[in-house]
N, C-alpha and C. Protein backbone atom coordinates (compact mmCIF):
# COMPACT_ATOMS: atom_id res chain seq x y z
N MET A 1 -19.79 19.94 -3.95
CA MET A 1 -19.27 18.63 -4.35
C MET A 1 -17.79 18.57 -4.01
N MET A 2 -17.39 17.44 -3.48
CA MET A 2 -15.97 17.26 -3.20
C MET A 2 -15.43 16.17 -4.11
N GLU A 3 -14.16 16.29 -4.46
CA GLU A 3 -13.50 15.31 -5.30
C GLU A 3 -12.30 14.76 -4.55
N LEU A 4 -12.06 13.46 -4.76
CA LEU A 4 -11.00 12.77 -4.03
C LEU A 4 -10.37 11.75 -4.96
N ASN A 5 -9.05 11.79 -5.08
CA ASN A 5 -8.33 10.79 -5.87
C ASN A 5 -7.87 9.67 -4.95
N LEU A 6 -8.10 8.44 -5.37
CA LEU A 6 -7.71 7.27 -4.58
C LEU A 6 -6.83 6.36 -5.42
N LEU A 7 -5.74 5.90 -4.86
CA LEU A 7 -4.85 4.95 -5.51
C LEU A 7 -5.17 3.56 -4.96
N ILE A 8 -5.48 2.63 -5.85
CA ILE A 8 -5.80 1.26 -5.44
C ILE A 8 -4.49 0.48 -5.36
N GLU A 9 -4.14 0.05 -4.14
CA GLU A 9 -2.86 -0.60 -3.92
C GLU A 9 -2.95 -2.09 -3.63
N ASN A 10 -4.14 -2.60 -3.32
CA ASN A 10 -4.21 -4.03 -3.01
C ASN A 10 -3.93 -4.85 -4.26
N LYS A 11 -3.37 -6.04 -4.07
CA LYS A 11 -2.82 -6.84 -5.16
C LYS A 11 -3.80 -7.15 -6.29
N LEU A 12 -5.04 -7.44 -5.96
CA LEU A 12 -5.99 -7.86 -6.99
C LEU A 12 -6.92 -6.74 -7.46
N GLY A 13 -6.65 -5.53 -7.05
CA GLY A 13 -7.50 -4.41 -7.47
C GLY A 13 -8.89 -4.50 -6.85
N LEU A 14 -9.88 -3.98 -7.55
CA LEU A 14 -11.24 -3.98 -7.03
C LEU A 14 -12.01 -5.20 -7.54
N HIS A 15 -11.61 -6.38 -7.08
CA HIS A 15 -12.35 -7.59 -7.40
C HIS A 15 -13.59 -7.66 -6.50
N ALA A 16 -14.29 -8.77 -6.48
CA ALA A 16 -15.59 -8.87 -5.81
C ALA A 16 -15.59 -8.44 -4.35
N ARG A 17 -14.66 -8.93 -3.56
CA ARG A 17 -14.68 -8.62 -2.13
C ARG A 17 -14.47 -7.13 -1.85
N PRO A 18 -13.40 -6.51 -2.36
CA PRO A 18 -13.24 -5.08 -2.08
C PRO A 18 -14.34 -4.23 -2.71
N ALA A 19 -14.85 -4.63 -3.86
CA ALA A 19 -15.96 -3.88 -4.48
C ALA A 19 -17.17 -3.93 -3.56
N SER A 20 -17.43 -5.09 -2.97
CA SER A 20 -18.54 -5.24 -2.04
C SER A 20 -18.34 -4.39 -0.79
N LEU A 21 -17.13 -4.41 -0.24
CA LEU A 21 -16.83 -3.60 0.95
C LEU A 21 -16.98 -2.11 0.65
N PHE A 22 -16.51 -1.70 -0.52
CA PHE A 22 -16.61 -0.29 -0.90
C PHE A 22 -18.08 0.12 -1.01
N ALA A 23 -18.88 -0.69 -1.72
CA ALA A 23 -20.30 -0.38 -1.91
C ALA A 23 -21.05 -0.36 -0.59
N GLN A 24 -20.73 -1.30 0.30
CA GLN A 24 -21.38 -1.33 1.62
C GLN A 24 -21.05 -0.07 2.40
N LYS A 25 -19.79 0.31 2.40
CA LYS A 25 -19.37 1.51 3.13
C LYS A 25 -20.03 2.75 2.53
N ALA A 26 -20.03 2.85 1.21
CA ALA A 26 -20.62 4.00 0.53
C ALA A 26 -22.12 4.08 0.81
N SER A 27 -22.79 2.93 0.88
CA SER A 27 -24.24 2.89 1.09
C SER A 27 -24.65 3.35 2.48
N ALA A 28 -23.70 3.43 3.39
CA ALA A 28 -24.00 3.88 4.75
C ALA A 28 -24.19 5.40 4.81
N TYR A 29 -23.94 6.09 3.72
CA TYR A 29 -24.04 7.54 3.69
C TYR A 29 -25.15 8.00 2.75
N LYS A 30 -25.71 9.15 3.07
CA LYS A 30 -26.79 9.72 2.27
C LYS A 30 -26.27 10.36 0.99
N SER A 31 -25.04 10.79 1.01
CA SER A 31 -24.45 11.49 -0.14
C SER A 31 -24.42 10.62 -1.39
N THR A 32 -24.44 11.29 -2.53
CA THR A 32 -24.25 10.63 -3.82
C THR A 32 -22.76 10.43 -4.01
N ILE A 33 -22.37 9.20 -4.34
CA ILE A 33 -20.95 8.87 -4.50
C ILE A 33 -20.76 8.27 -5.89
N MET A 34 -20.00 8.97 -6.71
CA MET A 34 -19.71 8.49 -8.06
C MET A 34 -18.22 8.18 -8.16
N ILE A 35 -17.90 7.12 -8.88
CA ILE A 35 -16.51 6.72 -9.12
C ILE A 35 -16.23 6.90 -10.60
N LEU A 36 -15.15 7.61 -10.90
CA LEU A 36 -14.77 7.82 -12.30
C LEU A 36 -13.41 7.20 -12.56
N LYS A 37 -13.34 6.46 -13.67
CA LYS A 37 -12.08 5.89 -14.15
C LYS A 37 -12.06 6.10 -15.65
N GLY A 38 -11.18 6.96 -16.10
CA GLY A 38 -11.15 7.29 -17.53
C GLY A 38 -12.47 7.91 -17.93
N GLU A 39 -13.11 7.35 -18.94
CA GLU A 39 -14.38 7.87 -19.44
C GLU A 39 -15.58 7.25 -18.72
N LYS A 40 -15.34 6.25 -17.89
CA LYS A 40 -16.42 5.54 -17.21
C LYS A 40 -16.77 6.20 -15.88
N SER A 41 -18.05 6.19 -15.56
CA SER A 41 -18.54 6.73 -14.30
C SER A 41 -19.60 5.77 -13.76
N VAL A 42 -19.46 5.36 -12.50
CA VAL A 42 -20.42 4.43 -11.90
C VAL A 42 -20.83 4.90 -10.52
N ASN A 43 -21.96 4.40 -10.07
CA ASN A 43 -22.45 4.67 -8.73
C ASN A 43 -21.57 3.92 -7.74
N GLY A 44 -21.02 4.63 -6.76
CA GLY A 44 -20.15 4.03 -5.77
C GLY A 44 -20.86 3.10 -4.81
N LYS A 45 -22.17 3.02 -4.91
CA LYS A 45 -22.95 2.13 -4.05
C LYS A 45 -23.35 0.85 -4.78
N SER A 46 -22.85 0.67 -6.00
CA SER A 46 -23.19 -0.48 -6.83
C SER A 46 -21.99 -1.43 -6.98
N ILE A 47 -22.12 -2.62 -6.41
CA ILE A 47 -21.04 -3.61 -6.50
C ILE A 47 -20.75 -3.94 -7.97
N ILE A 48 -21.80 -4.19 -8.72
CA ILE A 48 -21.65 -4.54 -10.13
C ILE A 48 -20.98 -3.41 -10.91
N GLY A 49 -21.40 -2.18 -10.64
CA GLY A 49 -20.80 -1.02 -11.30
C GLY A 49 -19.32 -0.91 -11.01
N ILE A 50 -18.97 -1.08 -9.74
CA ILE A 50 -17.57 -0.97 -9.33
C ILE A 50 -16.73 -2.06 -10.00
N MET A 51 -17.23 -3.29 -9.97
CA MET A 51 -16.50 -4.39 -10.59
C MET A 51 -16.36 -4.17 -12.10
N GLY A 52 -17.35 -3.54 -12.71
CA GLY A 52 -17.33 -3.28 -14.14
C GLY A 52 -16.24 -2.31 -14.57
N LEU A 53 -15.71 -1.56 -13.63
CA LEU A 53 -14.62 -0.64 -13.97
C LEU A 53 -13.31 -1.39 -14.24
N GLY A 54 -13.19 -2.61 -13.73
CA GLY A 54 -11.98 -3.39 -13.96
C GLY A 54 -10.73 -2.76 -13.39
N VAL A 55 -10.83 -2.22 -12.18
CA VAL A 55 -9.70 -1.50 -11.57
C VAL A 55 -8.64 -2.49 -11.10
N LYS A 56 -7.41 -2.24 -11.52
CA LYS A 56 -6.27 -3.09 -11.16
C LYS A 56 -5.37 -2.37 -10.18
N GLN A 57 -4.48 -3.13 -9.57
CA GLN A 57 -3.51 -2.56 -8.64
C GLN A 57 -2.72 -1.45 -9.32
N GLY A 58 -2.54 -0.34 -8.61
CA GLY A 58 -1.76 0.78 -9.12
C GLY A 58 -2.56 1.80 -9.89
N GLU A 59 -3.85 1.53 -10.14
CA GLU A 59 -4.68 2.50 -10.86
C GLU A 59 -5.34 3.46 -9.88
N SER A 60 -5.63 4.64 -10.39
CA SER A 60 -6.27 5.68 -9.57
C SER A 60 -7.72 5.86 -9.99
N LEU A 61 -8.51 6.24 -9.01
CA LEU A 61 -9.93 6.54 -9.24
C LEU A 61 -10.20 7.96 -8.75
N LEU A 62 -11.19 8.57 -9.34
CA LEU A 62 -11.66 9.87 -8.87
C LEU A 62 -13.04 9.66 -8.27
N LEU A 63 -13.20 10.04 -7.02
CA LEU A 63 -14.51 10.00 -6.38
C LEU A 63 -15.10 11.39 -6.40
N LYS A 64 -16.39 11.47 -6.73
CA LYS A 64 -17.13 12.72 -6.63
C LYS A 64 -18.25 12.47 -5.64
N ILE A 65 -18.21 13.22 -4.56
CA ILE A 65 -19.16 12.99 -3.47
C ILE A 65 -19.92 14.29 -3.20
N GLU A 66 -21.24 14.16 -3.18
CA GLU A 66 -22.07 15.34 -2.96
C GLU A 66 -23.22 14.97 -2.03
N GLY A 67 -23.37 15.75 -0.96
CA GLY A 67 -24.48 15.51 -0.05
C GLY A 67 -24.16 15.97 1.35
N PRO A 68 -25.10 15.72 2.27
CA PRO A 68 -24.98 16.26 3.63
C PRO A 68 -23.85 15.65 4.45
N ASP A 69 -23.43 14.44 4.12
CA ASP A 69 -22.37 13.77 4.88
C ASP A 69 -21.16 13.45 4.00
N ALA A 70 -20.91 14.32 3.03
CA ALA A 70 -19.83 14.09 2.07
C ALA A 70 -18.46 13.98 2.74
N ASP A 71 -18.20 14.82 3.72
CA ASP A 71 -16.89 14.78 4.39
C ASP A 71 -16.67 13.46 5.11
N GLU A 72 -17.70 12.99 5.82
CA GLU A 72 -17.59 11.72 6.54
C GLU A 72 -17.43 10.55 5.57
N ALA A 73 -18.20 10.58 4.48
CA ALA A 73 -18.11 9.52 3.48
C ALA A 73 -16.72 9.48 2.86
N ALA A 74 -16.19 10.64 2.50
CA ALA A 74 -14.86 10.72 1.90
C ALA A 74 -13.80 10.16 2.84
N ALA A 75 -13.87 10.53 4.10
CA ALA A 75 -12.89 10.06 5.07
C ALA A 75 -12.96 8.54 5.25
N ALA A 76 -14.18 8.00 5.33
CA ALA A 76 -14.36 6.56 5.53
C ALA A 76 -13.88 5.77 4.32
N LEU A 77 -14.21 6.24 3.12
CA LEU A 77 -13.80 5.52 1.92
C LEU A 77 -12.30 5.62 1.69
N GLN A 78 -11.74 6.77 2.00
CA GLN A 78 -10.29 6.93 1.87
C GLN A 78 -9.57 5.97 2.83
N LYS A 79 -10.08 5.84 4.04
CA LYS A 79 -9.48 4.94 5.02
C LYS A 79 -9.60 3.49 4.55
N LEU A 80 -10.74 3.10 4.03
CA LEU A 80 -10.96 1.75 3.54
C LEU A 80 -9.95 1.40 2.44
N VAL A 81 -9.76 2.30 1.50
CA VAL A 81 -8.82 2.08 0.39
C VAL A 81 -7.38 2.08 0.90
N ALA A 82 -7.05 3.00 1.80
CA ALA A 82 -5.68 3.09 2.34
C ALA A 82 -5.32 1.83 3.11
N ASN A 83 -6.30 1.19 3.74
CA ASN A 83 -6.07 -0.05 4.49
C ASN A 83 -6.12 -1.28 3.59
N LYS A 84 -6.15 -1.07 2.28
CA LYS A 84 -6.16 -2.13 1.28
C LYS A 84 -7.30 -3.12 1.52
N PHE A 85 -8.43 -2.60 1.97
CA PHE A 85 -9.63 -3.40 2.19
C PHE A 85 -9.41 -4.54 3.16
N GLY A 86 -8.39 -4.39 4.02
CA GLY A 86 -8.08 -5.41 5.02
C GLY A 86 -7.51 -6.69 4.44
N GLU A 87 -7.01 -6.65 3.20
CA GLU A 87 -6.52 -7.86 2.54
C GLU A 87 -5.07 -8.19 2.84
N GLU A 88 -4.31 -7.23 3.33
CA GLU A 88 -2.88 -7.52 3.52
C GLU A 88 -2.47 -7.29 4.95
């Protein structure tokens, strides 16, 4: 299992559009992708789960990725977040 910390920098946090983009990107991989924020843990492939975390700008998330393509998934998701979901 690999763990990755991500800082959410886009202005509106993980609202509907970036949550959808994140879930779509995560769903392209076979690996299990979990997102942890505080005591909450959600499936990284679930738009509703991601939105339910209420992630705001400046907050960090911990991703736990396990599976055959974990490295590729981690790199793709890290790039998506670093590019602020293409919003800026």
